[in-house]
Amino acid sequence: RLDKINRHSDELTSLVNDLLDISRIESGKVTMKHQAGDLKNI
């Protein structure tokens, strides 16, 4: 039961993080740090 609590806590944390990221991007609070990158390496 503790394993399930731990696993579901991770899932819920991931959900909360996604919600926070979406709201931050919508509100313009997240600044994109643009830099040159290689698409193939990514």
Full PDB file with SEQRES, HELIX, SHEET, SSBOND, CRYST1, ORIGX, SCALE, CONECT and MASTER records, all heavy atoms in Angstrom:
SEQRES   1 A   42  ARG LEU ASP LYS ILE ASN ARG HIS SER ASP GLU LEU THR          
SEQRES   2 A   42  SER LEU VAL ASN ASP LEU LEU ASP ILE SER ARG ILE GLU          
SEQRES   3 A   42  SER GLY LYS VAL THR MET LYS HIS GLN ALA GLY ASP LEU          
SEQRES   4 A   42  LYS ASN ILE                                                  
HELIX    1 AA1 LEU A    2  SER A   27  1                                  26    
CRYST1    1.000    1.000    1.000  90.00  90.00  90.00 P 1           1          
ORIGX1      1.000000  0.000000  0.000000        0.00000                         
ORIGX2      0.000000  1.000000  0.000000        0.00000                         
ORIGX3      0.000000  0.000000  1.000000        0.00000                         
SCALE1      1.000000  0.000000  0.000000        0.00000                         
SCALE2      0.000000  1.000000  0.000000        0.00000                         
SCALE3      0.000000  0.000000  1.000000        0.00000                         
ATOM      1  N   ARG A   1       0.829  -1.210   0.000  1.00  0.00           N  
ATOM      2  CA  ARG A   1       0.000   0.000   0.000  1.00  0.00           C  
ATOM      3  C   ARG A   1       0.867   1.265   0.000  1.00  0.00           C  
ATOM      4  O   ARG A   1       0.539   2.269  -0.643  1.00  0.00           O  
ATOM      5  CB  ARG A   1      -0.943  -0.018   1.199  1.00  0.00           C  
ATOM      6  CG  ARG A   1      -2.126  -0.980   0.985  1.00  0.00           C  
ATOM      7  CD  ARG A   1      -2.936  -1.167   2.246  1.00  0.00           C  
ATOM      8  NE  ARG A   1      -4.149  -1.943   1.997  1.00  0.00           N  
ATOM      9  CZ  ARG A   1      -4.177  -3.249   1.802  1.00  0.00           C  
ATOM     10  NH1 ARG A   1      -3.033  -3.926   1.810  1.00  0.00           N  
ATOM     11  NH2 ARG A   1      -5.317  -3.881   1.579  1.00  0.00           N  
ATOM     12  N   LEU A   2       1.997   1.209   0.734  1.00  0.00           N  
ATOM     13  CA  LEU A   2       2.917   2.348   0.732  1.00  0.00           C  
ATOM     14  C   LEU A   2       3.548   2.543  -0.643  1.00  0.00           C  
ATOM     15  O   LEU A   2       3.793   3.681  -1.077  1.00  0.00           O  
ATOM     16  CB  LEU A   2       4.004   2.156   1.801  1.00  0.00           C  
ATOM     17  CG  LEU A   2       3.554   2.349   3.250  1.00  0.00           C  
ATOM     18  CD1 LEU A   2       4.685   1.973   4.205  1.00  0.00           C  
ATOM     19  CD2 LEU A   2       3.128   3.800   3.499  1.00  0.00           C  
ATOM     20  N   ASP A   3       3.837   1.427  -1.343  1.00  0.00           N  
ATOM     21  CA  ASP A   3       4.371   1.541  -2.717  1.00  0.00           C  
ATOM     22  C   ASP A   3       3.372   2.242  -3.625  1.00  0.00           C  
ATOM     23  O   ASP A   3       3.740   3.081  -4.449  1.00  0.00           O  
ATOM     24  CB  ASP A   3       4.677   0.136  -3.268  1.00  0.00           C  
ATOM     25  CG  ASP A   3       5.987  -0.420  -2.710  1.00  0.00           C  
ATOM     26  OD1 ASP A   3       6.838   0.406  -2.311  1.00  0.00           O  
ATOM     27  OD2 ASP A   3       6.157  -1.647  -2.688  1.00  0.00           O  
ATOM     28  N   LYS A   4       2.083   1.877  -3.459  1.00  0.00           N  
ATOM     29  CA  LYS A   4       1.050   2.530  -4.264  1.00  0.00           C  
ATOM     30  C   LYS A   4       0.949   4.014  -3.936  1.00  0.00           C  
ATOM     31  O   LYS A   4       0.802   4.862  -4.827  1.00  0.00           O  
ATOM     32  CB  LYS A   4      -0.300   1.865  -4.040  1.00  0.00           C  
ATOM     33  CG  LYS A   4      -0.409   0.474  -4.671  1.00  0.00           C  
ATOM     34  CD  LYS A   4      -1.801  -0.100  -4.450  1.00  0.00           C  
ATOM     35  CE  LYS A   4      -1.932  -1.471  -5.112  1.00  0.00           C  
ATOM     36  NZ  LYS A   4      -3.285  -2.056  -4.927  1.00  0.00           N  
ATOM     37  N   ILE A   5       1.042   4.333  -2.606  1.00  0.00           N  
ATOM     38  CA  ILE A   5       1.008   5.744  -2.192  1.00  0.00           C  
ATOM     39  C   ILE A   5       2.171   6.498  -2.813  1.00  0.00           C  
ATOM     40  O   ILE A   5       2.018   7.614  -3.340  1.00  0.00           O  
ATOM     41  CB  ILE A   5       1.035   5.862  -0.658  1.00  0.00           C  
ATOM     42  CG1 ILE A   5      -0.288   5.343  -0.068  1.00  0.00           C  
ATOM     43  CG2 ILE A   5       1.284   7.304  -0.231  1.00  0.00           C  
ATOM     44  CD1 ILE A   5      -0.271   5.254   1.454  1.00  0.00           C  
ATOM     45  N   ASN A   6       3.333   5.879  -2.794  1.00  0.00           N  
ATOM     46  CA  ASN A   6       4.539   6.514  -3.321  1.00  0.00           C  
ATOM     47  C   ASN A   6       4.419   6.722  -4.832  1.00  0.00           C  
ATOM     48  O   ASN A   6       4.738   7.795  -5.365  1.00  0.00           O  
ATOM     49  CB  ASN A   6       5.754   5.640  -2.999  1.00  0.00           C  
ATOM     50  CG  ASN A   6       7.065   6.420  -3.165  1.00  0.00           C  
ATOM     51  OD1 ASN A   6       7.140   7.596  -2.823  1.00  0.00           O  
ATOM     52  ND2 ASN A   6       8.084   5.760  -3.692  1.00  0.00           N  
ATOM     53  N   ARG A   7       3.927   5.688  -5.532  1.00  0.00           N  
ATOM     54  CA  ARG A   7       3.797   5.756  -6.989  1.00  0.00           C  
ATOM     55  C   ARG A   7       2.744   6.792  -7.398  1.00  0.00           C  
ATOM     56  O   ARG A   7       2.959   7.622  -8.287  1.00  0.00           O  
ATOM     57  CB  ARG A   7       3.434   4.383  -7.543  1.00  0.00           C  
ATOM     58  CG  ARG A   7       3.449   4.336  -9.070  1.00  0.00           C  
ATOM     59  CD  ARG A   7       3.304   2.927  -9.607  1.00  0.00           C  
ATOM     60  NE  ARG A   7       2.030   2.315  -9.221  1.00  0.00           N  
ATOM     61  CZ  ARG A   7       1.890   1.374  -8.286  1.00  0.00           C  
ATOM     62  NH1 ARG A   7       2.951   0.946  -7.611  1.00  0.00           N  
ATOM     63  NH2 ARG A   7       0.694   0.876  -8.013  1.00  0.00           N  
ATOM     64  N   HIS A   8       1.611   6.753  -6.747  1.00  0.00           N  
ATOM     65  CA  HIS A   8       0.561   7.706  -7.079  1.00  0.00           C  
ATOM     66  C   HIS A   8       0.944   9.134  -6.701  1.00  0.00           C  
ATOM     67  O   HIS A   8       0.501  10.098  -7.350  1.00  0.00           O  
ATOM     68  CB  HIS A   8      -0.749   7.317  -6.396  1.00  0.00           C  
ATOM     69  CG  HIS A   8      -1.375   6.070  -6.986  1.00  0.00           C  
ATOM     70  ND1 HIS A   8      -1.529   5.881  -8.331  1.00  0.00           N  
ATOM     71  CD2 HIS A   8      -1.871   4.949  -6.382  1.00  0.00           C  
ATOM     72  CE1 HIS A   8      -2.097   4.707  -8.556  1.00  0.00           C  
ATOM     73  NE2 HIS A   8      -2.308   4.107  -7.370  1.00  0.00           N  
ATOM     74  N   SER A   9       1.756   9.267  -5.673  1.00  0.00           N  
ATOM     75  CA  SER A   9       2.254  10.602  -5.305  1.00  0.00           C  
ATOM     76  C   SER A   9       3.127  11.165  -6.420  1.00  0.00           C  
ATOM     77  O   SER A   9       3.063  12.357  -6.737  1.00  0.00           O  
ATOM     78  CB  SER A   9       3.048  10.533  -3.996  1.00  0.00           C  
ATOM     79  OG  SER A   9       2.217  10.160  -2.928  1.00  0.00           O  
ATOM     80  N   ASP A  10       3.974  10.279  -7.007  1.00  0.00           N  
ATOM     81  CA  ASP A  10       4.811  10.722  -8.138  1.00  0.00           C  
ATOM     82  C   ASP A  10       3.945  11.153  -9.318  1.00  0.00           C  
ATOM     83  O   ASP A  10       4.218  12.168  -9.971  1.00  0.00           O  
ATOM     84  CB  ASP A  10       5.746   9.585  -8.572  1.00  0.00           C  
ATOM     85  CG  ASP A  10       6.857   9.339  -7.554  1.00  0.00           C  
ATOM     86  OD1 ASP A  10       7.142  10.271  -6.773  1.00  0.00           O  
ATOM     87  OD2 ASP A  10       7.418   8.241  -7.555  1.00  0.00           O  
ATOM     88  N   GLU A  11       2.883  10.358  -9.611  1.00  0.00           N  
ATOM     89  CA  GLU A  11       1.986  10.705 -10.720  1.00  0.00           C  
ATOM     90  C   GLU A  11       1.279  12.031 -10.460  1.00  0.00           C  
ATOM     91  O   GLU A  11       1.158  12.876 -11.351  1.00  0.00           O  
ATOM     92  CB  GLU A  11       0.955   9.597 -10.933  1.00  0.00           C  
ATOM     93  CG  GLU A  11       1.556   8.285 -11.441  1.00  0.00           C  
ATOM     94  CD  GLU A  11       0.514   7.184 -11.504  1.00  0.00           C  
ATOM     95  OE1 GLU A  11      -0.635   7.432 -11.066  1.00  0.00           O  
ATOM     96  OE2 GLU A  11       0.841   6.076 -11.979  1.00  0.00           O  
ATOM     97  N   LEU A  12       0.824  12.209  -9.222  1.00  0.00           N  
ATOM     98  CA  LEU A  12       0.137  13.440  -8.872  1.00  0.00           C  
ATOM     99  C   LEU A  12       1.084  14.629  -8.902  1.00  0.00           C  
ATOM    100  O   LEU A  12       0.715  15.726  -9.332  1.00  0.00           O  
ATOM    101  CB  LEU A  12      -0.506  13.293  -7.485  1.00  0.00           C  
ATOM    102  CG  LEU A  12      -1.524  14.377  -7.080  1.00  0.00           C  
ATOM    103  CD1 LEU A  12      -2.616  14.514  -8.120  1.00  0.00           C  
ATOM    104  CD2 LEU A  12      -2.123  14.053  -5.719  1.00  0.00           C  
ATOM    105  N   THR A  13       2.330  14.409  -8.489  1.00  0.00           N  
ATOM    106  CA  THR A  13       3.331  15.479  -8.543  1.00  0.00           C  
ATOM    107  C   THR A  13       3.609  15.884  -9.983  1.00  0.00           C  
ATOM    108  O   THR A  13       3.724  17.078 -10.305  1.00  0.00           O  
ATOM    109  CB  THR A  13       4.631  15.019  -7.867  1.00  0.00           C  
ATOM    110  OG1 THR A  13       4.369  14.702  -6.495  1.00  0.00           O  
ATOM    111  CG2 THR A  13       5.691  16.105  -7.931  1.00  0.00           C  
ATOM    112  N   SER A  14       3.706  14.869 -10.865  1.00  0.00           N  
ATOM    113  CA  SER A  14       3.924  15.155 -12.289  1.00  0.00           C  
ATOM    114  C   SER A  14       2.757  15.957 -12.857  1.00  0.00           C  
ATOM    115  O   SER A  14       2.953  16.920 -13.616  1.00  0.00           O  
ATOM    116  CB  SER A  14       4.086  13.848 -13.064  1.00  0.00           C  
ATOM    117  OG  SER A  14       4.220  14.103 -14.439  1.00  0.00           O  
ATOM    118  N   LEU A  15       1.516  15.576 -12.466  1.00  0.00           N  
ATOM    119  CA  LEU A  15       0.336  16.309 -12.922  1.00  0.00           C  
ATOM    120  C   LEU A  15       0.368  17.754 -12.445  1.00  0.00           C  
ATOM    121  O   LEU A  15       0.110  18.689 -13.219  1.00  0.00           O  
ATOM    122  CB  LEU A  15      -0.923  15.604 -12.413  1.00  0.00           C  
ATOM    123  CG  LEU A  15      -2.254  16.341 -12.609  1.00  0.00           C  
ATOM    124  CD1 LEU A  15      -2.528  16.560 -14.084  1.00  0.00           C  
ATOM    125  CD2 LEU A  15      -3.386  15.557 -11.958  1.00  0.00           C  
ATOM    126  N   VAL A  16       0.705  17.941 -11.167  1.00  0.00           N  
ATOM    127  CA  VAL A  16       0.764  19.287 -10.608  1.00  0.00           C  
ATOM    128  C   VAL A  16       1.829  20.112 -11.310  1.00  0.00           C  
ATOM    129  O   VAL A  16       1.626  21.289 -11.624  1.00  0.00           O  
ATOM    130  CB  VAL A  16       1.029  19.224  -9.086  1.00  0.00           C  
ATOM    131  CG1 VAL A  16       1.354  20.618  -8.544  1.00  0.00           C  
ATOM    132  CG2 VAL A  16      -0.170  18.640  -8.361  1.00  0.00           C  
ATOM    133  N   ASN A  17       2.965  19.499 -11.601  1.00  0.00           N  
ATOM    134  CA  ASN A  17       4.053  20.216 -12.282  1.00  0.00           C  
ATOM    135  C   ASN A  17       3.631  20.647 -13.692  1.00  0.00           C  
ATOM    136  O   ASN A  17       3.928  21.767 -14.137  1.00  0.00           O  
ATOM    137  CB  ASN A  17       5.306  19.343 -12.352  1.00  0.00           C  
ATOM    138  CG  ASN A  17       5.985  19.214 -10.985  1.00  0.00           C  
ATOM    139  OD1 ASN A  17       5.830  20.067 -10.111  1.00  0.00           O  
ATOM    140  ND2 ASN A  17       6.740  18.140 -10.792  1.00  0.00           N  
ATOM    141  N   ASP A  18       2.924  19.721 -14.383  1.00  0.00           N  
ATOM    142  CA  ASP A  18       2.443  20.076 -15.725  1.00  0.00           C  
ATOM    143  C   ASP A  18       1.456  21.241 -15.659  1.00  0.00           C  
ATOM    144  O   ASP A  18       1.492  22.157 -16.494  1.00  0.00           O  
ATOM    145  CB  ASP A  18       1.772  18.863 -16.380  1.00  0.00           C  
ATOM    146  CG  ASP A  18       2.788  17.842 -16.885  1.00  0.00           C  
ATOM    147  OD1 ASP A  18       3.976  18.195 -16.966  1.00  0.00           O  
ATOM    148  OD2 ASP A  18       2.387  16.699 -17.183  1.00  0.00           O  
ATOM    149  N   LEU A  19       0.539  21.193 -14.707  1.00  0.00           N  
ATOM    150  CA  LEU A  19      -0.431  22.277 -14.545  1.00  0.00           C  
ATOM    151  C   LEU A  19       0.280  23.597 -14.251  1.00  0.00           C  
ATOM    152  O   LEU A  19      -0.086  24.646 -14.796  1.00  0.00           O  
ATOM    153  CB  LEU A  19      -1.411  21.943 -13.426  1.00  0.00           C  
ATOM    154  CG  LEU A  19      -2.496  20.913 -13.748  1.00  0.00           C  
ATOM    155  CD1 LEU A  19      -3.251  20.536 -12.482  1.00  0.00           C  
ATOM    156  CD2 LEU A  19      -3.461  21.477 -14.791  1.00  0.00           C  
ATOM    157  N   LEU A  20       1.268  23.538 -13.380  1.00  0.00           N  
ATOM    158  CA  LEU A  20       2.023  24.751 -13.063  1.00  0.00           C  
ATOM    159  C   LEU A  20       2.748  25.295 -14.285  1.00  0.00           C  
ATOM    160  O   LEU A  20       2.764  26.505 -14.530  1.00  0.00           O  
ATOM    161  CB  LEU A  20       3.028  24.459 -11.939  1.00  0.00           C  
ATOM    162  CG  LEU A  20       2.475  24.488 -10.514  1.00  0.00           C  
ATOM    163  CD1 LEU A  20       3.531  23.989  -9.528  1.00  0.00           C  
ATOM    164  CD2 LEU A  20       2.040  25.904 -10.136  1.00  0.00           C  
ATOM    165  N   ASP A  21       3.345  24.389 -15.076  1.00  0.00           N  
ATOM    166  CA  ASP A  21       4.075  24.826 -16.269  1.00  0.00           C  
ATOM    167  C   ASP A  21       3.125  25.478 -17.277  1.00  0.00           C  
ATOM    168  O   ASP A  21       3.452  26.512 -17.882  1.00  0.00           O  
ATOM    169  CB  ASP A  21       4.780  23.629 -16.917  1.00  0.00           C  
ATOM    170  CG  ASP A  21       5.973  23.163 -16.097  1.00  0.00           C  
ATOM    171  OD1 ASP A  21       6.503  23.978 -15.310  1.00  0.00           O  
ATOM    172  OD2 ASP A  21       6.362  21.994 -16.230  1.00  0.00           O  
ATOM    173  N   ILE A  22       1.957  24.844 -17.474  1.00  0.00           N  
ATOM    174  CA  ILE A  22       0.980  25.410 -18.424  1.00  0.00           C  
ATOM    175  C   ILE A  22       0.531  26.791 -17.975  1.00  0.00           C  
ATOM    176  O   ILE A  22       0.471  27.742 -18.758  1.00  0.00           O  
ATOM    177  CB  ILE A  22      -0.231  24.463 -18.572  1.00  0.00           C  
ATOM    178  CG1 ILE A  22       0.185  23.189 -19.314  1.00  0.00           C  
ATOM    179  CG2 ILE A  22      -1.368  25.152 -19.322  1.00  0.00           C  
ATOM    180  CD1 ILE A  22      -0.895  22.117 -19.350  1.00  0.00           C  
ATOM    181  N   SER A  23       0.209  26.925 -16.693  1.00  0.00           N  
ATOM    182  CA  SER A  23      -0.261  28.218 -16.186  1.00  0.00           C  
ATOM    183  C   SER A  23       0.837  29.268 -16.248  1.00  0.00           C  
ATOM    184  O   SER A  23       0.571  30.436 -16.529  1.00  0.00           O  
ATOM    185  CB  SER A  23      -0.782  28.061 -14.750  1.00  0.00           C  
ATOM    186  OG  SER A  23       0.254  27.660 -13.879  1.00  0.00           O  
ATOM    187  N   ARG A  24       2.078  28.860 -15.999  1.00  0.00           N  
ATOM    188  CA  ARG A  24       3.194  29.814 -16.073  1.00  0.00           C  
ATOM    189  C   ARG A  24       3.410  30.300 -17.501  1.00  0.00           C  
ATOM    190  O   ARG A  24       3.639  31.493 -17.744  1.00  0.00           O  
ATOM    191  CB  ARG A  24       4.470  29.162 -15.544  1.00  0.00           C  
ATOM    192  CG  ARG A  24       4.502  29.014 -14.026  1.00  0.00           C  
ATOM    193  CD  ARG A  24       5.673  28.158 -13.603  1.00  0.00           C  
ATOM    194  NE  ARG A  24       5.733  27.989 -12.152  1.00  0.00           N  
ATOM    195  CZ  ARG A  24       6.515  27.105 -11.533  1.00  0.00           C  
ATOM    196  NH1 ARG A  24       7.306  26.317 -12.263  1.00  0.00           N  
ATOM    197  NH2 ARG A  24       6.514  27.017 -10.220  1.00  0.00           N  
ATOM    198  N   ILE A  25       3.351  29.349 -18.461  1.00  0.00           N  
ATOM    199  CA  ILE A  25       3.544  29.740 -19.865  1.00  0.00           C  
ATOM    200  C   ILE A  25       2.416  30.646 -20.315  1.00  0.00           C  
ATOM    201  O   ILE A  25       2.627  31.654 -21.009  1.00  0.00           O  
ATOM    202  CB  ILE A  25       3.638  28.487 -20.765  1.00  0.00           C  
ATOM    203  CG1 ILE A  25       4.911  27.701 -20.428  1.00  0.00           C  
ATOM    204  CG2 ILE A  25       3.634  28.885 -22.235  1.00  0.00           C  
ATOM    205  CD1 ILE A  25       5.016  26.362 -21.138  1.00  0.00           C  
ATOM    206  N   GLU A  26       1.164  30.312 -19.934  1.00  0.00           N  
ATOM    207  CA  GLU A  26       0.007  31.138 -20.314  1.00  0.00           C  
ATOM    208  C   GLU A  26       0.128  32.547 -19.765  1.00  0.00           C  
ATOM    209  O   GLU A  26      -0.231  33.524 -20.429  1.00  0.00           O  
ATOM    210  CB  GLU A  26      -1.288  30.501 -19.799  1.00  0.00           C  
ATOM    211  CG  GLU A  26      -1.758  29.316 -20.629  1.00  0.00           C  
ATOM    212  CD  GLU A  26      -3.076  28.768 -20.108  1.00  0.00           C  
ATOM    213  OE1 GLU A  26      -3.428  29.075 -18.946  1.00  0.00           O  
ATOM    214  OE2 GLU A  26      -3.746  28.031 -20.847  1.00  0.00           O  
ATOM    215  N   SER A  27       0.605  32.667 -18.535  1.00  0.00           N  
ATOM    216  CA  SER A  27       0.701  33.981 -17.898  1.00  0.00           C  
ATOM    217  C   SER A  27       1.966  34.732 -18.287  1.00  0.00           C  
ATOM    218  O   SER A  27       2.156  35.884 -17.912  1.00  0.00           O  
ATOM    219  CB  SER A  27       0.638  33.830 -16.372  1.00  0.00           C  
ATOM    220  OG  SER A  27       1.743  33.065 -15.906  1.00  0.00           O  
ATOM    221  N   GLY A  28       2.851  34.077 -19.046  1.00  0.00           N  
ATOM    222  CA  GLY A  28       4.083  34.720 -19.483  1.00  0.00           C  
ATOM    223  C   GLY A  28       5.159  34.753 -18.421  1.00  0.00           C  
ATOM    224  O   GLY A  28       6.143  35.480 -18.554  1.00  0.00           O  
ATOM    225  N   LYS A  29       4.964  33.960 -17.368  1.00  0.00           N  
ATOM    226  CA  LYS A  29       5.950  33.966 -16.279  1.00  0.00           C  
ATOM    227  C   LYS A  29       7.165  33.105 -16.602  1.00  0.00           C  
ATOM    228  O   LYS A  29       8.193  33.212 -15.936  1.00  0.00           O  
ATOM    229  CB  LYS A  29       5.298  33.476 -14.988  1.00  0.00           C  
ATOM    230  CG  LYS A  29       4.231  34.431 -14.453  1.00  0.00           C  
ATOM    231  CD  LYS A  29       3.591  33.886 -13.185  1.00  0.00           C  
ATOM    232  CE  LYS A  29       2.528  34.846 -12.667  1.00  0.00           C  
ATOM    233  NZ  LYS A  29       1.849  34.333 -11.452  1.00  0.00           N  
ATOM    234  N   VAL A  30       7.039  32.224 -17.598  1.00  0.00           N  
ATOM    235  CA  VAL A  30       8.162  31.382 -18.002  1.00  0.00           C  
ATOM    236  C   VAL A  30       8.873  32.062 -19.164  1.00  0.00           C  
ATOM    237  O   VAL A  30       8.275  32.310 -20.210  1.00  0.00           O  
ATOM    238  CB  VAL A  30       7.686  29.980 -18.420  1.00  0.00           C  
ATOM    239  CG1 VAL A  30       8.858  29.168 -18.958  1.00  0.00           C  
ATOM    240  CG2 VAL A  30       7.053  29.268 -17.236  1.00  0.00           C  
ATOM    241  N   THR A  31      10.132  32.376 -18.995  1.00  0.00           N  
ATOM    242  CA  THR A  31      10.927  33.003 -20.048  1.00  0.00           C  
ATOM    243  C   THR A  31      11.734  31.934 -20.767  1.00  0.00           C  
ATOM    244  O   THR A  31      12.474  31.169 -20.132  1.00  0.00           O  
ATOM    245  CB  THR A  31      11.889  34.053 -19.459  1.00  0.00           C  
ATOM    246  OG1 THR A  31      11.127  35.027 -18.729  1.00  0.00           O  
ATOM    247  CG2 THR A  31      12.677  34.740 -20.556  1.00  0.00           C  
ATOM    248  N   MET A  32      11.528  31.860 -22.090  1.00  0.00           N  
ATOM    249  CA  MET A  32      12.266  30.890 -22.885  1.00  0.00           C  
ATOM    250  C   MET A  32      13.707  31.365 -23.065  1.00  0.00           C  
ATOM    251  O   MET A  32      13.943  32.473 -23.542  1.00  0.00           O  
ATOM    252  CB  MET A  32      11.590  30.701 -24.258  1.00  0.00           C  
ATOM    253  CG  MET A  32      10.185  30.128 -24.169  1.00  0.00           C  
ATOM    254  SD  MET A  32      10.182  28.449 -23.494  1.00  0.00           S  
ATOM    255  CE  MET A  32       8.430  28.237 -23.139  1.00  0.00           C  
ATOM    256  N   LYS A  33      14.629  30.525 -22.665  1.00  0.00           N  
ATOM    257  CA  LYS A  33      16.054  30.865 -22.762  1.00  0.00           C  
ATOM    258  C   LYS A  33      16.588  30.350 -24.095  1.00  0.00           C  
ATOM    259  O   LYS A  33      17.126  29.240 -24.189  1.00  0.00           O  
ATOM    260  CB  LYS A  33      16.830  30.260 -21.594  1.00  0.00           C  
ATOM    261  CG  LYS A  33      16.341  30.765 -20.234  1.00  0.00           C  
ATOM    262  CD  LYS A  33      17.069  30.069 -19.101  1.00  0.00           C  
ATOM    263  CE  LYS A  33      16.550  30.556 -17.744  1.00  0.00           C  
ATOM    264  NZ  LYS A  33      17.201  29.857 -16.601  1.00  0.00           N  
ATOM    265  N   HIS A  34      16.415  31.167 -25.131  1.00  0.00           N  
ATOM    266  CA  HIS A  34      16.801  30.741 -26.465  1.00  0.00           C  
ATOM    267  C   HIS A  34      18.320  30.669 -26.618  1.00  0.00           C  
ATOM    268  O   HIS A  34      19.042  31.565 -26.156  1.00  0.00           O  
ATOM    269  CB  HIS A  34      16.236  31.705 -27.522  1.00  0.00           C  
ATOM    270  CG  HIS A  34      14.750  31.662 -27.628  1.00  0.00           C  
ATOM    271  ND1 HIS A  34      13.926  32.394 -26.811  1.00  0.00           N  
ATOM    272  CD2 HIS A  34      13.938  30.959 -28.451  1.00  0.00           C  
ATOM    273  CE1 HIS A  34      12.664  32.158 -27.133  1.00  0.00           C  
ATOM    274  NE2 HIS A  34      12.646  31.290 -28.119  1.00  0.00           N  
ATOM    275  N   GLN A  35      18.746  29.590 -27.273  1.00  0.00           N  
ATOM    276  CA  GLN A  35      20.161  29.446 -27.600  1.00  0.00           C  
ATOM    277  C   GLN A  35      20.286  28.529 -28.815  1.00  0.00           C  
ATOM    278  O   GLN A  35      19.358  27.786 -29.138  1.00  0.00           O  
ATOM    279  CB  GLN A  35      20.940  28.860 -26.408  1.00  0.00           C  
ATOM    280  CG  GLN A  35      20.429  27.507 -25.949  1.00  0.00           C  
ATOM    281  CD  GLN A  35      21.188  26.996 -24.733  1.00  0.00           C  
ATOM    282  OE1 GLN A  35      22.166  27.589 -24.305  1.00  0.00           O  
ATOM    283  NE2 GLN A  35      20.736  25.889 -24.179  1.00  0.00           N  
ATOM    284  N   ALA A  36      21.430  28.608 -29.479  1.00  0.00           N  
ATOM    285  CA  ALA A  36      21.646  27.753 -30.645  1.00  0.00           C  
ATOM    286  C   ALA A  36      21.746  26.301 -30.193  1.00  0.00           C  
ATOM    287  O   ALA A  36      22.380  25.980 -29.183  1.00  0.00           O  
ATOM    288  CB  ALA A  36      22.921  28.176 -31.372  1.00  0.00           C  
ATOM    289  N   GLY A  37      21.085  25.452 -30.905  1.00  0.00           N  
ATOM    290  CA  GLY A  37      21.122  24.027 -30.561  1.00  0.00           C  
ATOM    291  C   GLY A  37      21.088  23.175 -31.805  1.00  0.00           C  
ATOM    292  O   GLY A  37      20.675  23.619 -32.880  1.00  0.00           O  
ATOM    293  N   ASP A  38      21.537  21.922 -31.629  1.00  0.00           N  
ATOM    294  CA  ASP A  38      21.539  20.966 -32.735  1.00  0.00           C  
ATOM    295  C   ASP A  38      20.355  20.026 -32.562  1.00  0.00           C  
ATOM    296  O   ASP A  38      20.276  19.284 -31.581  1.00  0.00           O  
ATOM    297  CB  ASP A  38      22.847  20.172 -32.751  1.00  0.00           C  
ATOM    298  CG  ASP A  38      22.975  19.320 -34.000  1.00  0.00           C  
ATOM    299  OD1 ASP A  38      22.187  18.370 -34.153  1.00  0.00           O  
ATOM    300  OD2 ASP A  38      23.856  19.609 -34.826  1.00  0.00           O  
ATOM    301  N   LEU A  39      19.432  20.089 -33.512  1.00  0.00           N  
ATOM    302  CA  LEU A  39      18.201  19.305 -33.423  1.00  0.00           C  
ATOM    303  C   LEU A  39      18.500  17.811 -33.364  1.00  0.00           C  
ATOM    304  O   LEU A  39      17.840  17.074 -32.620  1.00  0.00           O  
ATOM    305  CB  LEU A  39      17.308  19.636 -34.631  1.00  0.00           C  
ATOM    306  CG  LEU A  39      15.887  19.100 -34.594  1.00  0.00           C  
ATOM    307  CD1 LEU A  39      15.130  19.633 -33.394  1.00  0.00           C  
ATOM    308  CD2 LEU A  39      15.152  19.458 -35.882  1.00  0.00           C  
ATOM    309  N   LYS A  40      19.483  17.385 -34.098  1.00  0.00           N  
ATOM    310  CA  LYS A  40      19.816  15.945 -34.125  1.00  0.00           C  
ATOM    311  C   LYS A  40      20.269  15.483 -32.750  1.00  0.00           C  
ATOM    312  O   LYS A  40      19.874  14.405 -32.275  1.00  0.00           O  
ATOM    313  CB  LYS A  40      20.908  15.687 -35.167  1.00  0.00           C  
ATOM    314  CG  LYS A  40      21.201  14.205 -35.378  1.00  0.00           C  
ATOM    315  CD  LYS A  40      22.163  14.014 -36.537  1.00  0.00           C  
ATOM    316  CE  LYS A  40      22.395  12.528 -36.786  1.00  0.00           C  
ATOM    317  NZ  LYS A  40      23.324  12.299 -37.926  1.00  0.00           N  
ATOM    318  N   ASN A  41      21.094  16.290 -32.073  1.00  0.00           N  
ATOM    319  CA  ASN A  41      21.578  15.912 -30.736  1.00  0.00           C  
ATOM    320  C   ASN A  41      20.424  15.850 -29.734  1.00  0.00           C  
ATOM    321  O   ASN A  41      20.366  14.956 -28.879  1.00  0.00           O  
ATOM    322  CB  ASN A  41      22.628  16.913 -30.250  1.00  0.00           C  
ATOM    323  CG  ASN A  41      23.918  16.809 -31.042  1.00  0.00           C  
ATOM    324  OD1 ASN A  41      24.196  15.785 -31.664  1.00  0.00           O  
ATOM    325  ND2 ASN A  41      24.703  17.877 -31.033  1.00  0.00           N  
ATOM    326  N   ILE A  42      19.484  16.820 -29.854  1.00  0.00           N  
ATOM    327  CA  ILE A  42      18.328  16.828 -28.947  1.00  0.00           C  
ATOM    328  C   ILE A  42      17.508  15.549 -29.125  1.00  0.00           C  
ATOM    329  O   ILE A  42      17.127  14.898 -28.143  1.00  0.00           O  
ATOM    330  CB  ILE A  42      17.445  18.065 -29.222  1.00  0.00           C  
ATOM    331  CG1 ILE A  42      18.205  19.355 -28.884  1.00  0.00           C  
ATOM    332  CG2 ILE A  42      16.151  17.990 -28.413  1.00  0.00           C  
ATOM    333  CD1 ILE A  42      17.482  20.632 -29.282  1.00  0.00           C  
TER     334      ILE A  42                                                      
MASTER        0    0    0    1    0    0    0    6  333    1    0    4          
END                                                                             
